[in-house]
Every structure is written in C-alpha cells, then in structure tokens.
Amino acid sequence: MSTLFKVGDTAPNFKFDTPWKRDQDFISVANEKQAVFVFLRYHGCPVCQMEMANFKRDIGLFTDKGVKVFVFLQSSMETLQSLLKQEEWPFEIVSDPKGTLFKKYGVEPGGIIRYLHPRGLVALMKALSRGFMHKKFEGKETQLPAAFIIKSNQTIKYAYYGKTISDIPTPSALASELE
C-alpha cells in the first residue's frame, strides 16, 4: 500500500501526459498557482464522465481564484484523444493508464464491497439518467477516487481519499477549501 498524504505534506513534482501534450512538468504547468487534483477512474466510467462534466460546469469556482484543475484518469492518451476535444475542456486531463501517479499520491483501488457500495450504484443511476453511458474499460475497475488541493508552494492544503468509487467532493465543496 502507498503512503497516504495528509495536510502539510509536500506534494511531489511529476511528469505527466495529457491527450494532447506529452511529458509535462506539474510545477511548470501549475505556474506558481494553487492546484486542485481530482483522481477518478477512467473516461469510460459513467460516474467519472459525470464528475468531469460537473467540474467543467463549475470551473469558474476555480479559475476565478487563479487555481489550476487537474483531473487524473487511468485512460490512455489514444482513448482520450478519440473521445475528447481539447478546446472543450477547461482543465488539465492527465492520462495515467498504468496508475503511476495514482500510486505516487496513495490513491489505491478498493475491494468489491467499496465497488458495489449502494452510494456508487446511486451515482451510477444518476449518471446514466443524465445520459452518460459506459464506454471502454481501462485501468482498475475498483479504483477509488481522491482529491487534493496543492498550495503554490507545493504544500498539501487538503487531502481526501474516497471510500467508495463515487466518493469524491463536489466542485463547490473543494472550492470552499481554497484560500
């Protein structure tokens, strides 16, 4: 099991790929701004699609405060390139198909009980009712979500590790934790 980060820890730097750019450096991209990290499962997951849409809808809660948002997915660059248009996404979508950054931040899969938890099933029904359909399976099916707020000095201001596959703070809840 990876080490879980807590408030006050230093967030490690890392290289990452988006569907449109390779080998980027977190510190350079964050450009001395606060950052919000949202770790989801993979793009084919309807709940993850819904959460991405929620962050897209509420992006002003972050950009108005000069905060960069990063959404981490265990989807390949190729999958994301085929499904997404860069100009439609106002945040960084990090392609991490091997889960390397998930491990680096201590974001682990859960077991079958956390996967089949009633809250996850309710979130799935909500996502399906909003028109989000299941697509390609990628990554770890039982992957749990997480969210972090990283201050401009790389100190972790907020750390949340989900207990079920749908247990992720809302955009407004995360925005309320910003300085």
Foldseek 3Di string as FASTA:
>chain_A
DADADDFFDFADWDFFDFLVDGGDIVLVVQVLAKEKEKEAEAPLQLLVVVQQVLCLVVVCLAVVRPYAYEYEYLAASVVCVVPDDPVSHPHTYTHNVPCPVCRSNVFAFDDPCLAPPVVNVVSSVVSVVVPRHGDDDTHDSRTWMKMWIAHSVRGTRDIGTASHNNRYDGPVVVSVSDD
